[in-house]
């Protein structure tokens, strides 16, 4: 199993501890030293105040943060978890993604999702109701742009005539595109993995979280297995080679370093997830937007302790 560490850059109230170039570089470098496969960040460019007051979180710009992490490391993967591509013009998104992929020497994993905050879509000037269709169209457009050849594409809000964007992303698996991992639990999300992606990021949805994030529920291993089986059936029907990466972690073992933490349950779940075909675990070691008393030194101690627990060291 490979572990991808969530960078605590959501702690914007502690920007000097977690959000400076020095802080991001130190955390990413330590993560690489401690044996983590990669680091990830989330994406909320303009969340509503109601979301924040209900326990939601701010973020720094994911492209900027991951560029800082990439330049401080050598082999560490960098993951957007998840980039809401629909907020952005697809040509501008393609440019920033290709730039980050080249800066990192091909270490970018592009995690994308349809999004769920209606107010954020409204602030970005993007229709919320058709966000899945917009995401599909943007992914298709970006893949054409990444060819490095002139493209002519017309959308609802743009008209491109013989435009060219260079540099191309680094060449991976025979094509100029970073690996795309699609987030979400719905049939549409699974179809999107098969059509565009190399990986899937399902979302555990305990206690009705599925209604908040507007996706199908995954509340236990049975519901996860059912969707993995659906993914593999569609994957094989479409003659996709190999197997998709799947990134999800235990959701009922508590939060590492807190009183709720249950190491036996966590280890058991990791074995069960491995058996289902899960390949990566996104791991958060900070409280999203709420760890007001945390320090970088304390966070890094937790990062090392978890690496020791998970057998990543040495």
C-alpha atoms as a PDB file:
ATOM      1  CA  UNK A   1       0.000   0.000   0.000  1.00  0.00           C
ATOM      2  CA  UNK A   2       1.235   3.509  -0.844  1.00  0.00           C
ATOM      3  CA  UNK A   3       0.429   6.500   1.361  1.00  0.00           C
ATOM      4  CA  UNK A   4      -0.132  10.053   0.139  1.00  0.00           C
ATOM      5  CA  UNK A   5       0.068  12.743   2.820  1.00  0.00           C
ATOM      6  CA  UNK A   6      -2.313  15.667   2.921  1.00  0.00           C
ATOM      7  CA  UNK A   7      -0.377  18.929   3.242  1.00  0.00           C
ATOM      8  CA  UNK A   8      -1.846  21.075   6.058  1.00  0.00           C
ATOM      9  CA  UNK A   9      -2.010  24.188   3.902  1.00  0.00           C
ATOM     10  CA  UNK A  10      -5.719  24.405   4.710  1.00  0.00           C
ATOM     11  CA  UNK A  11      -4.531  25.868   8.037  1.00  0.00           C
ATOM     12  CA  UNK A  12      -4.637  29.383   6.628  1.00  0.00           C
ATOM     13  CA  UNK A  13      -4.968  30.874  10.102  1.00  0.00           C
ATOM     14  CA  UNK A  14      -1.447  29.488  10.686  1.00  0.00           C
ATOM     15  CA  UNK A  15       0.042  30.549   7.376  1.00  0.00           C
ATOM     16  CA  UNK A  16       3.580  31.016   8.746  1.00  0.00           C
ATOM     17  CA  UNK A  17       3.542  27.506  10.212  1.00  0.00           C
ATOM     18  CA  UNK A  18       2.130  25.705   7.181  1.00  0.00           C
ATOM     19  CA  UNK A  19       1.658  27.979   4.185  1.00  0.00           C
ATOM     20  CA  UNK A  20       4.991  29.588   3.354  1.00  0.00           C
ATOM     21  CA  UNK A  21       7.401  28.257   0.735  1.00  0.00           C
ATOM     22  CA  UNK A  22       9.770  27.260   3.546  1.00  0.00           C
ATOM     23  CA  UNK A  23       7.027  25.386   5.399  1.00  0.00           C
ATOM     24  CA  UNK A  24       5.724  23.556   2.324  1.00  0.00           C
ATOM     25  CA  UNK A  25       9.251  22.601   1.287  1.00  0.00           C
ATOM     26  CA  UNK A  26      10.123  21.275   4.749  1.00  0.00           C
ATOM     27  CA  UNK A  27       6.948  19.198   5.079  1.00  0.00           C
ATOM     28  CA  UNK A  28       7.224  17.763   1.565  1.00  0.00           C
ATOM     29  CA  UNK A  29      10.906  16.970   2.044  1.00  0.00           C
ATOM     30  CA  UNK A  30      10.226  15.202   5.348  1.00  0.00           C
ATOM     31  CA  UNK A  31       7.365  13.254   3.770  1.00  0.00           C
ATOM     32  CA  UNK A  32       9.748  11.992   1.091  1.00  0.00           C
ATOM     33  CA  UNK A  33      12.388  11.114   3.681  1.00  0.00           C
ATOM     34  CA  UNK A  34       9.840   9.236   5.791  1.00  0.00           C
ATOM     35  CA  UNK A  35       8.737   7.077   2.856  1.00  0.00           C
ATOM     36  CA  UNK A  36       5.436   8.592   1.778  1.00  0.00           C
ATOM     37  CA  UNK A  37       4.578   8.038  -1.879  1.00  0.00           C
ATOM     38  CA  UNK A  38       3.317  11.579  -2.378  1.00  0.00           C
ATOM     39  CA  UNK A  39       1.572  14.625  -0.987  1.00  0.00           C
ATOM     40  CA  UNK A  40      -1.811  16.103  -1.877  1.00  0.00           C
ATOM     41  CA  UNK A  41      -3.825  19.290  -1.517  1.00  0.00           C
ATOM     42  CA  UNK A  42      -7.498  20.147  -1.872  1.00  0.00           C
ATOM     43  CA  UNK A  43      -9.200  22.894  -3.881  1.00  0.00           C
ATOM     44  CA  UNK A  44     -11.658  25.485  -2.564  1.00  0.00           C
ATOM     45  CA  UNK A  45     -10.865  28.795  -4.290  1.00  0.00           C
ATOM     46  CA  UNK A  46     -13.873  30.771  -2.998  1.00  0.00           C
ATOM     47  CA  UNK A  47     -15.980  28.761  -0.521  1.00  0.00           C
ATOM     48  CA  UNK A  48     -19.131  30.250   1.033  1.00  0.00           C
ATOM     49  CA  UNK A  49     -18.965  31.503   4.606  1.00  0.00           C
ATOM     50  CA  UNK A  50     -21.657  28.983   5.588  1.00  0.00           C
ATOM     51  CA  UNK A  51     -19.351  26.136   4.523  1.00  0.00           C
ATOM     52  CA  UNK A  52     -16.497  27.501   6.643  1.00  0.00           C
ATOM     53  CA  UNK A  53     -18.676  28.079   9.702  1.00  0.00           C
ATOM     54  CA  UNK A  54     -20.000  24.510   9.425  1.00  0.00           C
ATOM     55  CA  UNK A  55     -16.466  23.071   9.648  1.00  0.00           C
ATOM     56  CA  UNK A  56     -15.307  23.491   6.055  1.00  0.00           C
ATOM     57  CA  UNK A  57     -11.880  24.747   5.158  1.00  0.00           C
ATOM     58  CA  UNK A  58      -9.998  27.206   3.015  1.00  0.00           C
ATOM     59  CA  UNK A  59      -7.126  26.179   0.731  1.00  0.00           C
ATOM     60  CA  UNK A  60      -4.137  27.742  -0.908  1.00  0.00           C
ATOM     61  CA  UNK A  61      -3.964  27.531  -4.693  1.00  0.00           C
ATOM     62  CA  UNK A  62      -3.159  23.867  -5.429  1.00  0.00           C
ATOM     63  CA  UNK A  63      -0.872  24.528  -8.409  1.00  0.00           C
ATOM     64  CA  UNK A  64       1.287  26.951  -6.442  1.00  0.00           C
ATOM     65  CA  UNK A  65       1.512  24.737  -3.356  1.00  0.00           C
ATOM     66  CA  UNK A  66       2.400  21.622  -5.328  1.00  0.00           C
ATOM     67  CA  UNK A  67       5.036  23.518  -7.309  1.00  0.00           C
ATOM     68  CA  UNK A  68       6.701  24.432  -4.011  1.00  0.00           C
ATOM     69  CA  UNK A  69       6.501  20.805  -2.870  1.00  0.00           C
ATOM     70  CA  UNK A  70       7.909  19.540  -6.158  1.00  0.00           C
ATOM     71  CA  UNK A  71      10.939  21.817  -6.169  1.00  0.00           C
ATOM     72  CA  UNK A  72      11.888  20.659  -2.657  1.00  0.00           C
ATOM     73  CA  UNK A  73      11.779  16.937  -3.501  1.00  0.00           C
ATOM     74  CA  UNK A  74      13.086  14.485  -6.063  1.00  0.00           C
ATOM     75  CA  UNK A  75      10.742  11.512  -6.417  1.00  0.00           C
ATOM     76  CA  UNK A  76       7.696  12.475  -4.364  1.00  0.00           C
ATOM     77  CA  UNK A  77       4.392  12.362  -6.268  1.00  0.00           C
ATOM     78  CA  UNK A  78       2.155  15.429  -6.084  1.00  0.00           C
ATOM     79  CA  UNK A  79      -1.619  14.961  -6.233  1.00  0.00           C
ATOM     80  CA  UNK A  80      -4.545  17.344  -6.598  1.00  0.00           C
ATOM     81  CA  UNK A  81      -7.245  15.868  -4.386  1.00  0.00           C
ATOM     82  CA  UNK A  82      -9.397  17.109  -5.973  1.00  0.00           C
ATOM     83  CA  UNK A  83      -9.016  19.877  -8.569  1.00  0.00           C
ATOM     84  CA  UNK A  84     -12.417  21.236  -9.622  1.00  0.00           C
ATOM     85  CA  UNK A  85     -11.544  21.776 -13.259  1.00  0.00           C
ATOM     86  CA  UNK A  86     -14.976  23.196 -14.096  1.00  0.00           C
ATOM     87  CA  UNK A  87     -14.177  26.370 -12.104  1.00  0.00           C
ATOM     88  CA  UNK A  88     -11.496  27.182 -14.666  1.00  0.00           C
ATOM     89  CA  UNK A  89     -11.222  27.917 -18.350  1.00  0.00           C
ATOM     90  CA  UNK A  90      -9.961  24.600 -19.806  1.00  0.00           C
ATOM     91  CA  UNK A  91      -7.140  26.239 -21.792  1.00  0.00           C
ATOM     92  CA  UNK A  92      -5.806  28.081 -18.755  1.00  0.00           C
ATOM     93  CA  UNK A  93      -6.180  24.942 -16.652  1.00  0.00           C
ATOM     94  CA  UNK A  94      -4.326  22.908 -19.282  1.00  0.00           C
ATOM     95  CA  UNK A  95      -1.471  25.419 -19.233  1.00  0.00           C
ATOM     96  CA  UNK A  96      -1.044  25.432 -15.439  1.00  0.00           C
ATOM     97  CA  UNK A  97      -1.314  21.632 -15.254  1.00  0.00           C
ATOM     98  CA  UNK A  98       1.254  21.117 -18.024  1.00  0.00           C
ATOM     99  CA  UNK A  99       3.559  23.650 -16.377  1.00  0.00           C
ATOM    100  CA  UNK A 100       3.356  21.890 -13.004  1.00  0.00           C
ATOM    101  CA  UNK A 101       3.855  18.505 -14.630  1.00  0.00           C
ATOM    102  CA  UNK A 102       7.047  19.727 -16.308  1.00  0.00           C
ATOM    103  CA  UNK A 103       8.332  21.521 -13.196  1.00  0.00           C
ATOM    104  CA  UNK A 104       7.942  18.274 -11.262  1.00  0.00           C
ATOM    105  CA  UNK A 105       9.523  16.116 -13.998  1.00  0.00           C
ATOM    106  CA  UNK A 106       6.311  14.150 -14.502  1.00  0.00           C
ATOM    107  CA  UNK A 107       5.423  13.602 -10.849  1.00  0.00           C
ATOM    108  CA  UNK A 108       1.967  15.183 -11.030  1.00  0.00           C
ATOM    109  CA  UNK A 109      -1.144  13.056 -10.530  1.00  0.00           C
ATOM    110  CA  UNK A 110      -4.169  15.058 -11.627  1.00  0.00           C
ATOM    111  CA  UNK A 111      -7.026  14.231  -9.300  1.00  0.00           C
ATOM    112  CA  UNK A 112     -10.256  15.814 -10.569  1.00  0.00           C
ATOM    113  CA  UNK A 113     -13.813  16.005  -9.308  1.00  0.00           C
ATOM    114  CA  UNK A 114     -17.167  17.436 -10.310  1.00  0.00           C
ATOM    115  CA  UNK A 115     -17.466  19.560  -7.141  1.00  0.00           C
ATOM    116  CA  UNK A 116     -20.351  20.036  -4.746  1.00  0.00           C
ATOM    117  CA  UNK A 117     -20.452  23.642  -3.449  1.00  0.00           C
ATOM    118  CA  UNK A 118     -23.101  25.468  -5.469  1.00  0.00           C
ATOM    119  CA  UNK A 119     -22.032  28.871  -4.134  1.00  0.00           C
ATOM    120  CA  UNK A 120     -18.485  28.288  -5.360  1.00  0.00           C
ATOM    121  CA  UNK A 121     -19.750  27.522  -8.856  1.00  0.00           C
ATOM    122  CA  UNK A 122     -21.889  30.664  -8.806  1.00  0.00           C
ATOM    123  CA  UNK A 123     -18.904  32.752  -7.698  1.00  0.00           C
ATOM    124  CA  UNK A 124     -16.841  31.271 -10.533  1.00  0.00           C
ATOM    125  CA  UNK A 125     -19.622  32.000 -13.024  1.00  0.00           C
ATOM    126  CA  UNK A 126     -20.152  28.315 -13.854  1.00  0.00           C
ATOM    127  CA  UNK A 127     -23.495  26.472 -13.996  1.00  0.00           C
ATOM    128  CA  UNK A 128     -23.792  24.076 -11.061  1.00  0.00           C
ATOM    129  CA  UNK A 129     -26.433  21.784 -12.553  1.00  0.00           C
ATOM    130  CA  UNK A 130     -24.285  20.765 -15.541  1.00  0.00           C
ATOM    131  CA  UNK A 131     -20.967  20.501 -13.672  1.00  0.00           C
ATOM    132  CA  UNK A 132     -20.433  16.845 -14.638  1.00  0.00           C
ATOM    133  CA  UNK A 133     -20.893  17.573 -18.327  1.00  0.00           C
ATOM    134  CA  UNK A 134     -18.601  20.597 -18.031  1.00  0.00           C
ATOM    135  CA  UNK A 135     -15.923  18.469 -16.367  1.00  0.00           C
ATOM    136  CA  UNK A 136     -16.112  15.895 -19.170  1.00  0.00           C
ATOM    137  CA  UNK A 137     -15.881  18.597 -21.829  1.00  0.00           C
ATOM    138  CA  UNK A 138     -12.948  20.276 -20.076  1.00  0.00           C
ATOM    139  CA  UNK A 139     -11.056  16.998 -19.751  1.00  0.00           C
ATOM    140  CA  UNK A 140     -11.577  16.275 -23.432  1.00  0.00           C
ATOM    141  CA  UNK A 141     -10.467  19.780 -24.370  1.00  0.00           C
ATOM    142  CA  UNK A 142      -7.370  19.633 -22.167  1.00  0.00           C
ATOM    143  CA  UNK A 143      -6.315  16.311 -23.650  1.00  0.00           C
ATOM    144  CA  UNK A 144      -6.549  17.826 -27.127  1.00  0.00           C
ATOM    145  CA  UNK A 145      -4.575  20.886 -26.024  1.00  0.00           C
ATOM    146  CA  UNK A 146      -1.863  18.708 -24.490  1.00  0.00           C
ATOM    147  CA  UNK A 147      -1.137  17.213 -27.917  1.00  0.00           C
ATOM    148  CA  UNK A 148       0.842  20.349 -28.723  1.00  0.00           C
ATOM    149  CA  UNK A 149      -0.905  20.579 -32.086  1.00  0.00           C
ATOM    150  CA  UNK A 150      -3.213  23.409 -33.231  1.00  0.00           C
ATOM    151  CA  UNK A 151      -6.766  22.846 -32.009  1.00  0.00           C
ATOM    152  CA  UNK A 152     -10.079  24.505 -32.803  1.00  0.00           C
ATOM    153  CA  UNK A 153     -12.738  24.013 -30.149  1.00  0.00           C
ATOM    154  CA  UNK A 154     -15.891  25.944 -29.342  1.00  0.00           C
ATOM    155  CA  UNK A 155     -17.589  25.830 -25.948  1.00  0.00           C
ATOM    156  CA  UNK A 156     -20.357  27.715 -24.192  1.00  0.00           C
ATOM    157  CA  UNK A 157     -17.944  30.382 -22.942  1.00  0.00           C
ATOM    158  CA  UNK A 158     -15.022  30.236 -25.374  1.00  0.00           C
ATOM    159  CA  UNK A 159     -14.128  29.888 -29.035  1.00  0.00           C
ATOM    160  CA  UNK A 160     -10.633  28.703 -29.889  1.00  0.00           C
ATOM    161  CA  UNK A 161      -9.386  28.797 -33.456  1.00  0.00           C
ATOM    162  CA  UNK A 162      -6.120  27.021 -34.284  1.00  0.00           C
ATOM    163  CA  UNK A 163      -4.594  27.638 -30.854  1.00  0.00           C
ATOM    164  CA  UNK A 164      -1.417  25.927 -29.645  1.00  0.00           C
ATOM    165  CA  UNK A 165      -0.177  25.436 -26.070  1.00  0.00           C
ATOM    166  CA  UNK A 166       3.398  24.442 -25.278  1.00  0.00           C
ATOM    167  CA  UNK A 167       5.091  22.857 -23.508  1.00  0.00           C
ATOM    168  CA  UNK A 168       3.216  19.600 -23.616  1.00  0.00           C
ATOM    169  CA  UNK A 169       3.010  17.625 -20.376  1.00  0.00           C
ATOM    170  CA  UNK A 170       5.673  14.988 -19.909  1.00  0.00           C
ATOM    171  CA  UNK A 171       5.067  11.786 -21.829  1.00  0.00           C
ATOM    172  CA  UNK A 172       3.584   9.066 -19.652  1.00  0.00           C
ATOM    173  CA  UNK A 173       2.141   5.708 -20.704  1.00  0.00           C
ATOM    174  CA  UNK A 174       2.589   6.636 -24.336  1.00  0.00           C
ATOM    175  CA  UNK A 175       0.705   9.932 -24.221  1.00  0.00           C
ATOM    176  CA  UNK A 176       1.376  13.527 -23.251  1.00  0.00           C
ATOM    177  CA  UNK A 177      -0.870  13.780 -20.204  1.00  0.00           C
ATOM    178  CA  UNK A 178      -0.439  13.452 -16.464  1.00  0.00           C
ATOM    179  CA  UNK A 179      -2.211  10.459 -14.924  1.00  0.00           C
ATOM    180  CA  UNK A 180      -5.835  11.444 -14.231  1.00  0.00           C
ATOM    181  CA  UNK A 181      -7.531  10.099 -11.113  1.00  0.00           C
ATOM    182  CA  UNK A 182     -11.246  10.812 -10.879  1.00  0.00           C
ATOM    183  CA  UNK A 183     -13.007  11.452  -7.583  1.00  0.00           C
ATOM    184  CA  UNK A 184     -16.604  10.611  -6.714  1.00  0.00           C
ATOM    185  CA  UNK A 185     -18.775   7.577  -6.087  1.00  0.00           C
ATOM    186  CA  UNK A 186     -21.503   7.875  -8.705  1.00  0.00           C
ATOM    187  CA  UNK A 187     -21.904   5.867 -11.893  1.00  0.00           C
ATOM    188  CA  UNK A 188     -20.980   9.025 -13.798  1.00  0.00           C
ATOM    189  CA  UNK A 189     -17.716   9.280 -11.866  1.00  0.00           C
ATOM    190  CA  UNK A 190     -16.892   5.630 -12.572  1.00  0.00           C
ATOM    191  CA  UNK A 191     -17.674   6.150 -16.262  1.00  0.00           C
ATOM    192  CA  UNK A 192     -15.336   9.172 -16.184  1.00  0.00           C
ATOM    193  CA  UNK A 193     -12.516   7.014 -14.788  1.00  0.00           C
ATOM    194  CA  UNK A 194     -12.925   4.546 -17.628  1.00  0.00           C
ATOM    195  CA  UNK A 195     -13.135   7.269 -20.273  1.00  0.00           C
ATOM    196  CA  UNK A 196     -10.349   9.580 -19.138  1.00  0.00           C
ATOM    197  CA  UNK A 197      -8.499   8.172 -16.189  1.00  0.00           C
ATOM    198  CA  UNK A 198      -5.907   5.876 -14.753  1.00  0.00           C
ATOM    199  CA  UNK A 199      -7.224   5.996 -11.200  1.00  0.00           C
ATOM    200  CA  UNK A 200     -10.271   6.411  -8.970  1.00  0.00           C
ATOM    201  CA  UNK A 201     -10.618   8.318  -5.688  1.00  0.00           C
ATOM    202  CA  UNK A 202     -13.837   7.157  -4.015  1.00  0.00           C
ATOM    203  CA  UNK A 203     -15.124   9.084  -1.016  1.00  0.00           C
ATOM    204  CA  UNK A 204     -16.255   7.466   2.239  1.00  0.00           C
ATOM    205  CA  UNK A 205     -19.559   9.045   3.242  1.00  0.00           C
ATOM    206  CA  UNK A 206     -20.427   8.244   6.862  1.00  0.00           C
ATOM    207  CA  UNK A 207     -23.400   9.885   8.615  1.00  0.00           C
ATOM    208  CA  UNK A 208     -25.066  11.277   5.528  1.00  0.00           C
ATOM    209  CA  UNK A 209     -21.985  12.986   4.128  1.00  0.00           C
ATOM    210  CA  UNK A 210     -23.094  11.695   0.702  1.00  0.00           C
ATOM    211  CA  UNK A 211     -25.953  14.218   0.691  1.00  0.00           C
ATOM    212  CA  UNK A 212     -23.590  17.084   1.515  1.00  0.00           C
ATOM    213  CA  UNK A 213     -20.975  16.260  -1.123  1.00  0.00           C
ATOM    214  CA  UNK A 214     -23.705  15.183  -3.566  1.00  0.00           C
ATOM    215  CA  UNK A 215     -22.425  11.733  -4.455  1.00  0.00           C
ATOM    216  CA  UNK A 216     -23.573   8.154  -3.977  1.00  0.00           C
ATOM    217  CA  UNK A 217     -22.927   6.744  -0.479  1.00  0.00           C
ATOM    218  CA  UNK A 218     -20.018   4.523   0.463  1.00  0.00           C
ATOM    219  CA  UNK A 219     -20.591   3.634   4.103  1.00  0.00           C
ATOM    220  CA  UNK A 220     -19.026   0.179   4.399  1.00  0.00           C
ATOM    221  CA  UNK A 221     -16.724  -2.239   2.644  1.00  0.00           C
ATOM    222  CA  UNK A 222     -19.623  -3.919   0.866  1.00  0.00           C
ATOM    223  CA  UNK A 223     -20.717  -0.701  -0.837  1.00  0.00           C
ATOM    224  CA  UNK A 224     -17.100   0.036  -1.770  1.00  0.00           C
ATOM    225  CA  UNK A 225     -16.621  -3.458  -3.190  1.00  0.00           C
ATOM    226  CA  UNK A 226     -19.799  -3.131  -5.239  1.00  0.00           C
ATOM    227  CA  UNK A 227     -18.490   0.023  -6.894  1.00  0.00           C
ATOM    228  CA  UNK A 228     -15.028  -1.423  -7.435  1.00  0.00           C
ATOM    229  CA  UNK A 229     -16.651  -4.384  -9.187  1.00  0.00           C
ATOM    230  CA  UNK A 230     -18.656  -1.971 -11.344  1.00  0.00           C
ATOM    231  CA  UNK A 231     -15.482  -0.059 -12.217  1.00  0.00           C
ATOM    232  CA  UNK A 232     -13.589  -3.210 -13.161  1.00  0.00           C
ATOM    233  CA  UNK A 233     -16.477  -4.513 -15.267  1.00  0.00           C
ATOM    234  CA  UNK A 234     -16.645  -1.267 -17.257  1.00  0.00           C
ATOM    235  CA  UNK A 235     -12.827  -1.076 -17.401  1.00  0.00           C
ATOM    236  CA  UNK A 236     -12.623  -4.503 -19.000  1.00  0.00           C
ATOM    237  CA  UNK A 237     -15.602  -3.894 -21.304  1.00  0.00           C
ATOM    238  CA  UNK A 238     -13.742  -0.886 -22.695  1.00  0.00           C
ATOM    239  CA  UNK A 239     -10.550  -2.936 -23.183  1.00  0.00           C
ATOM    240  CA  UNK A 240      -8.532  -0.766 -20.823  1.00  0.00           C
ATOM    241  CA  UNK A 241      -5.128  -2.272 -20.144  1.00  0.00           C
ATOM    242  CA  UNK A 242      -3.961  -3.171 -16.654  1.00  0.00           C
ATOM    243  CA  UNK A 243      -5.897  -2.079 -13.602  1.00  0.00           C
ATOM    244  CA  UNK A 244      -6.837   1.384 -12.316  1.00  0.00           C
ATOM    245  CA  UNK A 245      -5.238   2.818  -9.218  1.00  0.00           C
ATOM    246  CA  UNK A 246      -7.731   3.197  -6.365  1.00  0.00           C
ATOM    247  CA  UNK A 247      -7.112   5.650  -3.508  1.00  0.00           C
ATOM    248  CA  UNK A 248      -9.168   5.466  -0.321  1.00  0.00           C
ATOM    249  CA  UNK A 249      -8.311   4.929   3.332  1.00  0.00           C
ATOM    250  CA  UNK A 250      -9.998   3.509   6.421  1.00  0.00           C
ATOM    251  CA  UNK A 251     -12.744   5.817   7.637  1.00  0.00           C
ATOM    252  CA  UNK A 252     -13.840   4.110  10.850  1.00  0.00           C
ATOM    253  CA  UNK A 253     -10.546   3.777  12.743  1.00  0.00           C
ATOM    254  CA  UNK A 254     -10.385   7.279  14.166  1.00  0.00           C
ATOM    255  CA  UNK A 255      -7.876  10.052  13.559  1.00  0.00           C
ATOM    256  CA  UNK A 256      -4.208   9.180  14.086  1.00  0.00           C
ATOM    257  CA  UNK A 257      -2.752  10.831  17.188  1.00  0.00           C
ATOM    258  CA  UNK A 258      -6.131  11.379  18.877  1.00  0.00           C
ATOM    259  CA  UNK A 259      -8.143   9.492  21.489  1.00  0.00           C
ATOM    260  CA  UNK A 260     -10.385   8.096  18.758  1.00  0.00           C
ATOM    261  CA  UNK A 261      -7.478   6.320  17.033  1.00  0.00           C
ATOM    262  CA  UNK A 262      -7.853   2.515  16.836  1.00  0.00           C
ATOM    263  CA  UNK A 263      -4.650   1.040  15.357  1.00  0.00           C
ATOM    264  CA  UNK A 264      -5.982  -2.536  15.229  1.00  0.00           C
ATOM    265  CA  UNK A 265      -9.049  -1.503  13.230  1.00  0.00           C
ATOM    266  CA  UNK A 266      -6.871   0.620  10.944  1.00  0.00           C
ATOM    267  CA  UNK A 267      -4.486  -2.244  10.191  1.00  0.00           C
ATOM    268  CA  UNK A 268      -7.366  -4.642   9.608  1.00  0.00           C
ATOM    269  CA  UNK A 269      -9.022  -2.222   7.210  1.00  0.00           C
ATOM    270  CA  UNK A 270      -5.770  -1.715   5.283  1.00  0.00           C
ATOM    271  CA  UNK A 271      -5.566  -5.478   4.719  1.00  0.00           C
ATOM    272  CA  UNK A 272      -9.216  -5.552   3.636  1.00  0.00           C
ATOM    273  CA  UNK A 273      -8.801  -2.590   1.285  1.00  0.00           C
ATOM    274  CA  UNK A 274      -5.719  -4.178  -0.244  1.00  0.00           C
ATOM    275  CA  UNK A 275      -7.753  -7.298  -0.900  1.00  0.00           C
ATOM    276  CA  UNK A 276     -10.373  -5.207  -2.712  1.00  0.00           C
ATOM    277  CA  UNK A 277      -7.757  -3.721  -5.036  1.00  0.00           C
ATOM    278  CA  UNK A 278      -7.063  -0.414  -3.293  1.00  0.00           C
ATOM    279  CA  UNK A 279      -3.539   0.777  -4.103  1.00  0.00           C
ATOM    280  CA  UNK A 280      -3.136   4.136  -2.328  1.00  0.00           C
ATOM    281  CA  UNK A 281      -4.261   5.707   0.936  1.00  0.00           C
ATOM    282  CA  UNK A 282      -4.702   9.493   1.242  1.00  0.00           C
ATOM    283  CA  UNK A 283      -3.871  10.274   4.863  1.00  0.00           C
ATOM    284  CA  UNK A 284      -4.767  13.483   6.703  1.00  0.00           C
ATOM    285  CA  UNK A 285      -2.779  14.108   9.877  1.00  0.00           C
ATOM    286  CA  UNK A 286      -4.170  17.550  10.607  1.00  0.00           C
ATOM    287  CA  UNK A 287      -7.707  18.672  11.377  1.00  0.00           C
ATOM    288  CA  UNK A 288      -9.065  20.431   8.294  1.00  0.00           C
ATOM    289  CA  UNK A 289      -9.311  24.112   9.106  1.00  0.00           C
ATOM    290  CA  UNK A 290      -9.573  23.559  12.858  1.00  0.00           C
ATOM    291  CA  UNK A 291      -6.165  22.715  14.309  1.00  0.00           C
ATOM    292  CA  UNK A 292      -5.659  26.236  15.641  1.00  0.00           C
ATOM    293  CA  UNK A 293      -2.996  25.286  18.185  1.00  0.00           C
ATOM    294  CA  UNK A 294      -0.911  23.045  15.940  1.00  0.00           C
ATOM    295  CA  UNK A 295       2.703  23.731  15.016  1.00  0.00           C
ATOM    296  CA  UNK A 296       4.832  22.574  12.128  1.00  0.00           C
ATOM    297  CA  UNK A 297       7.153  20.717  14.492  1.00  0.00           C
ATOM    298  CA  UNK A 298       4.218  18.911  16.089  1.00  0.00           C
ATOM    299  CA  UNK A 299       2.741  18.035  12.711  1.00  0.00           C
ATOM    300  CA  UNK A 300       6.053  16.641  11.471  1.00  0.00           C
ATOM    301  CA  UNK A 301       6.334  14.487  14.602  1.00  0.00           C
ATOM    302  CA  UNK A 302       2.925  13.043  13.728  1.00  0.00           C
ATOM    303  CA  UNK A 303       4.021  12.497  10.118  1.00  0.00           C
ATOM    304  CA  UNK A 304       7.051  10.527  11.312  1.00  0.00           C
ATOM    305  CA  UNK A 305       5.061   8.581  13.888  1.00  0.00           C
ATOM    306  CA  UNK A 306       2.497   7.498  11.330  1.00  0.00           C
ATOM    307  CA  UNK A 307       5.252   6.500   8.906  1.00  0.00           C
ATOM    308  CA  UNK A 308       6.714   4.301  11.635  1.00  0.00           C
ATOM    309  CA  UNK A 309       3.291   2.787  12.346  1.00  0.00           C
ATOM    310  CA  UNK A 310       2.659   2.084   8.646  1.00  0.00           C
ATOM    311  CA  UNK A 311       6.111   0.579   8.108  1.00  0.00           C
ATOM    312  CA  UNK A 312       7.287   3.284   5.698  1.00  0.00           C
ATOM    313  CA  UNK A 313      10.587   4.057   7.403  1.00  0.00           C
ATOM    314  CA  UNK A 314      13.716   2.219   6.365  1.00  0.00           C
END
